[in-house]
C-alpha atoms as a PDB file:
ATOM      1  CA  MET A   1      28.653 232.402  61.910  1.00  0.00           C
ATOM      2  CA  ALA A   2      31.489 230.203  62.864  1.00  0.00           C
ATOM      3  CA  PRO A   3      35.569 229.978  62.084  1.00  0.00           C
ATOM      4  CA  ALA A   4      36.799 228.140  58.676  1.00  0.00           C
ATOM      5  CA  PRO A   5      38.401 225.121  60.182  1.00  0.00           C
ATOM      6  CA  TYR A   6      41.438 224.151  58.706  1.00  0.00           C
ATOM      7  CA  THR A   7      40.949 221.517  56.089  1.00  0.00           C
ATOM      8  CA  VAL A   8      42.983 218.212  55.584  1.00  0.00           C
ATOM      9  CA  ASN A   9      44.899 220.107  52.730  1.00  0.00           C
ATOM     10  CA  ASP A  10      46.155 222.517  55.345  1.00  0.00           C
ATOM     11  CA  VAL A  11      47.954 220.086  57.435  1.00  0.00           C
ATOM     12  CA  MET A  12      49.380 216.968  55.168  1.00  0.00           C
ATOM     13  CA  THR A  13      52.293 215.979  53.656  1.00  0.00           C
ATOM     14  CA  GLU A  14      51.952 215.970  49.905  1.00  0.00           C
ATOM     15  CA  THR A  15      55.536 214.094  48.932  1.00  0.00           C
ATOM     16  CA  VAL A  16      53.929 210.446  49.460  1.00  0.00           C
ATOM     17  CA  VAL A  17      55.836 207.056  48.683  1.00  0.00           C
ATOM     18  CA  ALA A  18      53.598 204.616  47.721  1.00  0.00           C
ATOM     19  CA  VAL A  19      54.117 201.241  45.142  1.00  0.00           C
ATOM     20  CA  GLY A  20      52.538 199.390  43.061  1.00  0.00           C
ATOM     21  CA  PRO A  21      50.546 196.294  43.203  1.00  0.00           C
ATOM     22  CA  ASP A  22      53.225 194.113  41.693  1.00  0.00           C
ATOM     23  CA  ALA A  23      55.691 195.840  44.528  1.00  0.00           C
ATOM     24  CA  GLU A  24      57.704 192.639  46.499  1.00  0.00           C
ATOM     25  CA  PHE A  25      58.375 192.085  49.408  1.00  0.00           C
ATOM     26  CA  LYS A  26      61.207 193.645  50.121  1.00  0.00           C
ATOM     27  CA  GLU A  27      60.984 196.437  48.305  1.00  0.00           C
ATOM     28  CA  ILE A  28      58.394 198.132  50.347  1.00  0.00           C
ATOM     29  CA  VAL A  29      60.089 197.198  53.292  1.00  0.00           C
ATOM     30  CA  ALA A  30      63.040 199.225  51.748  1.00  0.00           C
ATOM     31  CA  ALA A  31      61.037 202.219  51.009  1.00  0.00           C
ATOM     32  CA  MET A  32      59.271 202.033  54.806  1.00  0.00           C
ATOM     33  CA  ALA A  33      63.147 201.940  56.681  1.00  0.00           C
ATOM     34  CA  GLN A  34      64.702 204.533  53.426  1.00  0.00           C
ATOM     35  CA  TRP A  35      61.681 207.427  54.364  1.00  0.00           C
ATOM     36  CA  LYS A  36      60.756 206.503  57.739  1.00  0.00           C
ATOM     37  CA  VAL A  37      57.588 205.668  57.292  1.00  0.00           C
ATOM     38  CA  THR A  38      54.989 203.090  58.695  1.00  0.00           C
ATOM     39  CA  ALA A  39      52.984 202.403  55.883  1.00  0.00           C
ATOM     40  CA  VAL A  40      52.609 202.765  52.150  1.00  0.00           C
ATOM     41  CA  PRO A  41      49.934 203.274  49.813  1.00  0.00           C
ATOM     42  CA  VAL A  42      49.406 200.684  46.840  1.00  0.00           C
ATOM     43  CA  VAL A  43      48.599 202.632  43.478  1.00  0.00           C
ATOM     44  CA  GLU A  44      47.914 201.586  40.040  1.00  0.00           C
ATOM     45  CA  GLY A  45      47.134 203.419  36.891  1.00  0.00           C
ATOM     46  CA  GLU A  46      47.284 206.764  36.709  1.00  0.00           C
ATOM     47  CA  GLY A  47      47.668 206.923  40.985  1.00  0.00           C
ATOM     48  CA  ARG A  48      44.780 205.777  41.992  1.00  0.00           C
ATOM     49  CA  VAL A  49      44.797 204.040  45.429  1.00  0.00           C
ATOM     50  CA  VAL A  50      43.759 200.360  45.449  1.00  0.00           C
ATOM     51  CA  GLY A  51      45.193 199.701  49.206  1.00  0.00           C
ATOM     52  CA  VAL A  52      47.198 200.076  51.579  1.00  0.00           C
ATOM     53  CA  VAL A  53      49.828 198.319  52.710  1.00  0.00           C
ATOM     54  CA  SER A  54      51.269 199.144  56.575  1.00  0.00           C
ATOM     55  CA  GLU A  55      54.282 197.390  59.138  1.00  0.00           C
ATOM     56  CA  ALA A  56      51.379 194.676  60.645  1.00  0.00           C
ATOM     57  CA  ASP A  57      50.136 193.737  57.133  1.00  0.00           C
ATOM     58  CA  LEU A  58      54.295 192.904  56.566  1.00  0.00           C
ATOM     59  CA  LEU A  59      54.643 191.316  60.201  1.00  0.00           C
ATOM     60  CA  ALA A  60      51.792 188.358  59.104  1.00  0.00           C
ATOM     61  CA  LYS A  61      55.059 186.815  57.600  1.00  0.00           C
ATOM     62  CA  GLU A  62      57.212 186.979  61.339  1.00  0.00           C
ATOM     63  CA  GLU A  63      54.360 185.869  63.052  1.00  0.00           C
ATOM     64  CA  PHE A  64      53.915 182.993  61.387  1.00  0.00           C
ATOM     65  CA  HIS A  65      58.152 182.510  60.549  1.00  0.00           C
ATOM     66  CA  ASP A  66      58.978 179.454  63.122  1.00  0.00           C
ATOM     67  CA  SER A  67      55.322 179.096  64.507  1.00  0.00           C
ATOM     68  CA  ASP A  68      53.609 175.499  63.113  1.00  0.00           C
ATOM     69  CA  PRO A  69      49.559 176.833  64.109  1.00  0.00           C
ATOM     70  CA  SER A  70      46.605 173.900  64.525  1.00  0.00           C
ATOM     71  CA  LEU A  71      44.485 173.769  61.526  1.00  0.00           C
ATOM     72  CA  ILE A  72      42.129 175.400  64.520  1.00  0.00           C
ATOM     73  CA  GLU A  73      44.086 178.193  64.372  1.00  0.00           C
ATOM     74  CA  GLN A  74      44.864 178.176  60.059  1.00  0.00           C
ATOM     75  CA  MET A  75      41.191 178.741  60.537  1.00  0.00           C
ATOM     76  CA  GLN A  76      40.331 181.446  63.082  1.00  0.00           C
ATOM     77  CA  GLN A  77      43.734 183.975  60.985  1.00  0.00           C
ATOM     78  CA  LEU A  78      42.666 183.213  57.660  1.00  0.00           C
ATOM     79  CA  ASP A  79      43.454 186.915  56.876  1.00  0.00           C
ATOM     80  CA  GLU A  80      47.098 186.946  58.667  1.00  0.00           C
ATOM     81  CA  MET A  81      47.664 182.988  57.077  1.00  0.00           C
ATOM     82  CA  ALA A  82      47.819 184.602  53.532  1.00  0.00           C
ATOM     83  CA  LYS A  83      49.059 187.609  54.352  1.00  0.00           C
ATOM     84  CA  ALA A  84      52.316 185.368  55.957  1.00  0.00           C
ATOM     85  CA  GLY A  85      52.916 183.978  52.687  1.00  0.00           C
ATOM     86  CA  ALA A  86      52.571 187.039  50.157  1.00  0.00           C
ATOM     87  CA  VAL A  87      55.060 187.859  48.063  1.00  0.00           C
ATOM     88  CA  CYS A  88      53.568 191.213  46.655  1.00  0.00           C
ATOM     89  CA  ALA A  89      51.351 194.329  47.800  1.00  0.00           C
ATOM     90  CA  ARG A  90      47.987 193.340  45.993  1.00  0.00           C
ATOM     91  CA  ASP A  91      48.353 190.030  48.753  1.00  0.00           C
ATOM     92  CA  LEU A  92      49.607 191.989  51.729  1.00  0.00           C
ATOM     93  CA  MET A  93      47.869 195.302  51.148  1.00  0.00           C
ATOM     94  CA  THR A  94      44.627 196.544  53.656  1.00  0.00           C
ATOM     95  CA  THR A  95      41.816 196.735  50.549  1.00  0.00           C
ATOM     96  CA  PRO A  96      39.823 199.123  50.195  1.00  0.00           C
ATOM     97  CA  ALA A  97      41.931 201.778  51.468  1.00  0.00           C
ATOM     98  CA  ILE A  98      40.300 204.185  53.845  1.00  0.00           C
ATOM     99  CA  THR A  99      40.749 207.604  52.216  1.00  0.00           C
ATOM    100  CA  VAL A 100      40.205 211.171  53.057  1.00  0.00           C
ATOM    101  CA  ARG A 101      39.393 214.111  50.618  1.00  0.00           C
ATOM    102  CA  ALA A 102      41.977 217.143  50.791  1.00  0.00           C
ATOM    103  CA  ASP A 103      38.821 219.433  51.406  1.00  0.00           C
ATOM    104  CA  ALA A 104      37.464 217.707  55.096  1.00  0.00           C
ATOM    105  CA  SER A 105      38.020 219.381  58.264  1.00  0.00           C
ATOM    106  CA  VAL A 106      40.695 217.924  60.104  1.00  0.00           C
ATOM    107  CA  SER A 107      38.454 217.473  62.540  1.00  0.00           C
ATOM    108  CA  GLN A 108      36.480 215.132  60.216  1.00  0.00           C
ATOM    109  CA  ALA A 109      40.062 213.370  59.589  1.00  0.00           C
ATOM    110  CA  ALA A 110      40.352 212.965  62.884  1.00  0.00           C
ATOM    111  CA  ARG A 111      37.406 211.320  63.275  1.00  0.00           C
ATOM    112  CA  ARG A 112      37.842 208.473  60.781  1.00  0.00           C
ATOM    113  CA  MET A 113      40.842 207.676  62.123  1.00  0.00           C
ATOM    114  CA  ALA A 114      39.462 207.478  65.538  1.00  0.00           C
ATOM    115  CA  ARG A 115      36.594 204.715  64.190  1.00  0.00           C
ATOM    116  CA  GLN A 116      38.469 202.914  61.562  1.00  0.00           C
ATOM    117  CA  LYS A 117      41.365 202.599  63.717  1.00  0.00           C
ATOM    118  CA  VAL A 118      44.392 203.943  61.480  1.00  0.00           C
ATOM    119  CA  LYS A 119      47.369 206.186  61.998  1.00  0.00           C
ATOM    120  CA  ARG A 120      46.830 207.737  58.400  1.00  0.00           C
ATOM    121  CA  LEU A 121      44.973 208.044  55.417  1.00  0.00           C
ATOM    122  CA  PRO A 122      45.985 208.561  52.512  1.00  0.00           C
ATOM    123  CA  VAL A 123      44.172 212.197  50.935  1.00  0.00           C
ATOM    124  CA  VAL A 124      42.257 211.449  47.599  1.00  0.00           C
ATOM    125  CA  ASP A 125      40.618 213.193  45.428  1.00  0.00           C
ATOM    126  CA  ASP A 126      36.915 212.949  43.560  1.00  0.00           C
ATOM    127  CA  SER A 127      38.727 209.737  41.771  1.00  0.00           C
ATOM    128  CA  GLY A 128      40.391 208.357  43.994  1.00  0.00           C
ATOM    129  CA  VAL A 129      44.005 209.510  42.538  1.00  0.00           C
ATOM    130  CA  LEU A 130      46.078 210.266  45.240  1.00  0.00           C
ATOM    131  CA  GLN A 131      46.873 213.760  46.637  1.00  0.00           C
ATOM    132  CA  GLY A 132      48.904 213.022  49.589  1.00  0.00           C
ATOM    133  CA  ILE A 133      48.882 211.666  53.013  1.00  0.00           C
ATOM    134  CA  VAL A 134      47.561 212.866  56.733  1.00  0.00           C
ATOM    135  CA  SER A 135      48.400 211.465  59.758  1.00  0.00           C
ATOM    136  CA  ARG A 136      47.877 211.755  63.300  1.00  0.00           C
ATOM    137  CA  PHE A 137      50.701 214.038  63.816  1.00  0.00           C
ATOM    138  CA  ASP A 138      49.278 215.754  61.198  1.00  0.00           C
ATOM    139  CA  LEU A 139      46.265 216.642  62.148  1.00  0.00           C
ATOM    140  CA  LEU A 140      48.071 217.851  66.039  1.00  0.00           C
ATOM    141  CA  LYS A 141      49.570 220.738  64.007  1.00  0.00           C
ATOM    142  CA  VAL A 142      47.359 222.851  64.171  1.00  0.00           C
ATOM    143  CA  PHE A 143      48.421 223.033  68.356  1.00  0.00           C
ATOM    144  CA  LEU A 144      51.516 224.499  67.015  1.00  0.00           C
ATOM    145  CA  ARG A 145      49.457 227.686  65.862  1.00  0.00           C
ATOM    146  CA  PRO A 146      51.093 231.271  67.448  1.00  0.00           C
ATOM    147  CA  ASP A 147      48.877 232.872  70.421  1.00  0.00           C
ATOM    148  CA  ASP A 148      48.926 235.865  68.038  1.00  0.00           C
ATOM    149  CA  ASP A 149      47.494 233.561  65.172  1.00  0.00           C
ATOM    150  CA  ILE A 150      44.701 232.786  67.430  1.00  0.00           C
ATOM    151  CA  ALA A 151      44.149 235.798  69.522  1.00  0.00           C
ATOM    152  CA  ALA A 152      43.935 237.515  65.730  1.00  0.00           C
ATOM    153  CA  GLU A 153      41.307 234.741  64.655  1.00  0.00           C
ATOM    154  CA  VAL A 154      39.333 234.484  68.094  1.00  0.00           C
ATOM    155  CA  ARG A 155      38.666 238.875  67.953  1.00  0.00           C
ATOM    156  CA  ARG A 156      37.818 238.451  64.801  1.00  0.00           C
ATOM    157  CA  GLU A 157      35.579 235.373  63.742  1.00  0.00           C
ATOM    158  CA  VAL A 158      33.928 235.591  67.114  1.00  0.00           C
ATOM    159  CA  VAL A 159      34.679 238.682  69.271  1.00  0.00           C
ATOM    160  CA  ASP A 160      33.700 241.293  65.971  1.00  0.00           C
ATOM    161  CA  ARG A 161      30.948 239.158  64.647  1.00  0.00           C
ATOM    162  CA  LEU A 162      28.555 239.029  67.827  1.00  0.00           C
ATOM    163  CA  PHE A 163      29.111 241.797  69.582  1.00  0.00           C
ATOM    164  CA  ARG A 164      29.451 244.451  67.522  1.00  0.00           C
ATOM    165  CA  VAL A 165      28.683 247.550  69.549  1.00  0.00           C
ATOM    166  CA  SER A 166      30.481 246.141  72.945  1.00  0.00           C
ATOM    167  CA  HIS A 167      33.189 244.516  70.657  1.00  0.00           C
ATOM    168  CA  SER A 168      36.282 246.943  71.963  1.00  0.00           C
ATOM    169  CA  GLY A 169      35.107 246.313  75.237  1.00  0.00           C
ATOM    170  CA  ILE A 170      36.227 242.772  75.118  1.00  0.00           C
ATOM    171  CA  GLY A 171      39.976 241.450  76.081  1.00  0.00           C
ATOM    172  CA  VAL A 172      41.206 238.680  74.517  1.00  0.00           C
ATOM    173  CA  ASP A 173      44.154 236.804  76.044  1.00  0.00           C
ATOM    174  CA  VAL A 174      45.608 233.534  74.481  1.00  0.00           C
ATOM    175  CA  THR A 175      48.801 231.683  76.501  1.00  0.00           C
ATOM    176  CA  ASP A 176      49.558 228.175  75.426  1.00  0.00           C
ATOM    177  CA  GLY A 177      46.609 227.675  72.869  1.00  0.00           C
ATOM    178  CA  MET A 178      44.236 228.742  76.538  1.00  0.00           C
ATOM    179  CA  VAL A 179      41.581 231.542  75.640  1.00  0.00           C
ATOM    180  CA  THR A 180      40.313 233.997  77.654  1.00  0.00           C
ATOM    181  CA  LEU A 181      37.531 235.832  76.964  1.00  0.00           C
ATOM    182  CA  THR A 182      37.420 239.338  79.437  1.00  0.00           C
ATOM    183  CA  GLY A 183      35.355 242.012  79.590  1.00  0.00           C
ATOM    184  CA  THR A 184      30.923 243.282  79.509  1.00  0.00           C
ATOM    185  CA  VAL A 185      28.547 242.219  76.566  1.00  0.00           C
ATOM    186  CA  ARG A 186      25.542 244.018  75.867  1.00  0.00           C
ATOM    187  CA  ASP A 187      23.243 240.112  75.263  1.00  0.00           C
ATOM    188  CA  SER A 188      24.322 237.971  77.712  1.00  0.00           C
ATOM    189  CA  HIS A 189      22.477 235.125  76.091  1.00  0.00           C
ATOM    190  CA  LEU A 190      25.149 235.638  73.810  1.00  0.00           C
ATOM    191  CA  ILE A 191      28.172 234.541  76.584  1.00  0.00           C
ATOM    192  CA  PRO A 192      27.843 230.727  75.954  1.00  0.00           C
ATOM    193  CA  VAL A 193      27.364 230.726  72.131  1.00  0.00           C
ATOM    194  CA  ALA A 194      30.742 232.914  72.464  1.00  0.00           C
ATOM    195  CA  GLU A 195      32.857 230.576  74.066  1.00  0.00           C
ATOM    196  CA  ARG A 196      31.340 227.859  72.514  1.00  0.00           C
ATOM    197  CA  LEU A 197      32.809 229.778  68.662  1.00  0.00           C
ATOM    198  CA  ALA A 198      36.172 230.238  70.474  1.00  0.00           C
ATOM    199  CA  PHE A 199      36.454 226.597  71.290  1.00  0.00           C
ATOM    200  CA  GLY A 200      36.083 225.638  67.687  1.00  0.00           C
ATOM    201  CA  VAL A 201      38.951 228.178  66.207  1.00  0.00           C
ATOM    202  CA  GLU A 202      41.345 226.038  65.625  1.00  0.00           C
ATOM    203  CA  GLY A 203      44.393 225.903  68.060  1.00  0.00           C
ATOM    204  CA  VAL A 204      42.156 226.217  70.800  1.00  0.00           C
ATOM    205  CA  VAL A 205      43.724 223.815  73.920  1.00  0.00           C
ATOM    206  CA  ASP A 206      40.292 225.259  76.022  1.00  0.00           C
ATOM    207  CA  VAL A 207      38.490 228.556  76.801  1.00  0.00           C
ATOM    208  CA  ALA A 208      38.210 230.536  80.670  1.00  0.00           C
ATOM    209  CA  CYS A 209      34.991 232.873  79.273  1.00  0.00           C
ATOM    210  CA  ASP A 210      34.814 235.468  82.029  1.00  0.00           C
ATOM    211  CA  LEU A 211      32.156 238.195  80.131  1.00  0.00           C
ATOM    212  CA  THR A 212      29.631 239.754  82.425  1.00  0.00           C
ATOM    213  CA  GLY A 213      26.650 241.154  81.287  1.00  0.00           C
ATOM    214  CA  PRO A 214      24.694 244.445  82.137  1.00  0.00           C
ATOM    215  CA  PRO A 215      24.681 245.139  85.578  1.00  0.00           C
ATOM    216  CA  GLN A 216      21.461 244.211  87.135  1.00  0.00           C
ATOM    217  CA  VAL A 217      19.670 247.637  87.897  1.00  0.00           C
ATOM    218  CA  SER A 218      17.287 247.303  91.729  1.00  0.00           C
ATOM    219  CA  GLY A 219      13.570 249.073  91.930  1.00  0.00           C
ATOM    220  CA  GLU A 220      15.446 251.339  93.810  1.00  0.00           C
ATOM    221  CA  ASP A 221      17.836 252.316  91.493  1.00  0.00           C
ATOM    222  CA  ARG A 222      14.269 252.942  88.735  1.00  0.00           C
ATOM    223  CA  GLY A 223      12.863 255.028  91.821  1.00  0.00           C
END
């Protein structure tokens, strides 16, 4: 059984600054400046996320502030041109919002950020209501786990489960997130499994697997 992964709920920020669809341009900029964030979810009704306004959405106004793009350039940048003339969140936001559930694993959230090329994800419930927000840095928090905690989880969830007989002779050392497994096990076929599972423990940077199987008995020794 693989170690239980950290979820978005374990690392997300629950206090989130959000704006309504009618929030004006300067109000959005002021909120970002006050809370030191680079994007804000746009919510309506009971807190359902309908979009996100980021710095990139706002910068379109400055980008075209003193320029005179040709008709061809305007046609090629219709979205940016529209946002340059927008004055409220409804017209500035990127929609639909790319979101994530609180019970998603940290790895799933990281893959979604990478694929969608975003720096943060609003966290929503089944109804799309805002629960928090998770950023790239939040996902990296798992690497701040103390070495002792990582070692305890590797021993409990990997060593003790896989090697029920020989587990007491297996060493688990963790330094700066680097796991080293040492010792002799009865079933050498489980060694690559142990290495893979240890690498799956949250906060592990790398694994050095120095486990060995039982000594080979030669024909002479058998005689």
